[in-house]
Amino acid sequence: MKKSIDWSKLGFEYMDTDCHVRYLWRDGKWNDGEQVADPHCNLHIAATVLHYGQTAFEGLKAFRCKDGKVRVFRADANARRMATTARRICMPEVPEAMFLDAVKRAIRANIDYVPPYGTGGSLYVRPLLFGSGPQIGVNPAKEYTFIVMVVPVGAYYKGGMKPVRAVVLDDYDRAAPLGVGHIKVAGNYAASLEPHRVAHDRGFAVELYLDAKEHRYVEEFGTSNFVGISKAGHYVTAESQSILPSITNMSLQQLARDLGMPVEVRRVAFDELADFAEIGACGTAVVITPVNEIVRGDLTIRVGPRDGCGPVLEKLCKQVKAIQDGETPDTHAWTMEV
């Protein structure tokens, strides 16, 4: 049963809920899944997730909308992205219909944890796929586990969108050019932990990665895609084989096109950054985090307003949130009713 929650004080951190849903893949097929109250997994000591990093996850959100219904934002896109990840690291795909049903099952079983409309909160949904079967040689497992867990989270920003400072750490790369930067594997996040700590220790909220080959082109922020608004009013985002395709970014691009804005998905040279009118990091947690300062060694680049989000990115961010909250028509059929 849901314990008493002060919705106004929710942060972005783990909280036990009533249960999660869990499926097992064995002998070439998935079982029907079950609800599990215990938030622990009993893993074999030789599970490939522990030895060879065979694990992938997704992140999406469910919202209690203005009409009282609960809807999930773009879950089908998350299902397709997890399938791409699974293929790359030799795990069985979770069929899209099963993925969507699992998301619905997990939310319905924890429906009282969906924050009320108007609080700025949401139910964060974390699908997780990993090799749970034993394998001591470097080979894929013969058994896999798929889990969907949920956690209520609050508004990332209290009192408005605050711009942050970013730093380029030339001693670190996020992903190799022909590696796994384009998929959502846990190892990418393990690689980012130290540079993220270094950035925080130096007083920066986020790090900005450049391409691993030349360190000339923008790739992405620590856990978010790079987006910028040019002085000509174009929506610009970086293109690279090492960038995770952000569902939030894809949504923002479509909304920009709906407004008649040209959208450019291309290589973005670091030397261009000073010429942008607005820069932001986009992702599931907050939609857009405005970035008004980027530091690289002795160079400091300042972009956009000093104390808030730029007008174009703020408008796009509000449009995404209005669709998520059911305040405006979902013309692209991005939401799924639970």
Foldseek 3Di string as FASTA:
>chain_A
DDDDDDQLPFAPDFDQFQWKWKWKDAPHDIDPIDTGRDPDDDFDPQFCCVVPQFKFKDKWWWALAPVRFIKTFQQLVRLVQVQVVCVVQVHDRDDSVNSVVRQVVQCVVRVVLADHPPQQKTKMKMKMKGGRAGDPDPDGHRMMMIMIHIGIGHANDDPAFWAWAEEEDPVAAQAAQPGCLQGGGVVSLVSLVVVCVVCVVVPGNWYWHAHPPPSFWTAAISPFWKWFQAPVGAIETEDGSNHHDAPLVVQLQVVCVVVVHHYYYYTHTPVCVLRTQWMWTAHNNHGTHTHQWYDYPPDIRGHYDNTHGHPVSVVSSVVVVCVSNVNDDPPVPRMDTD
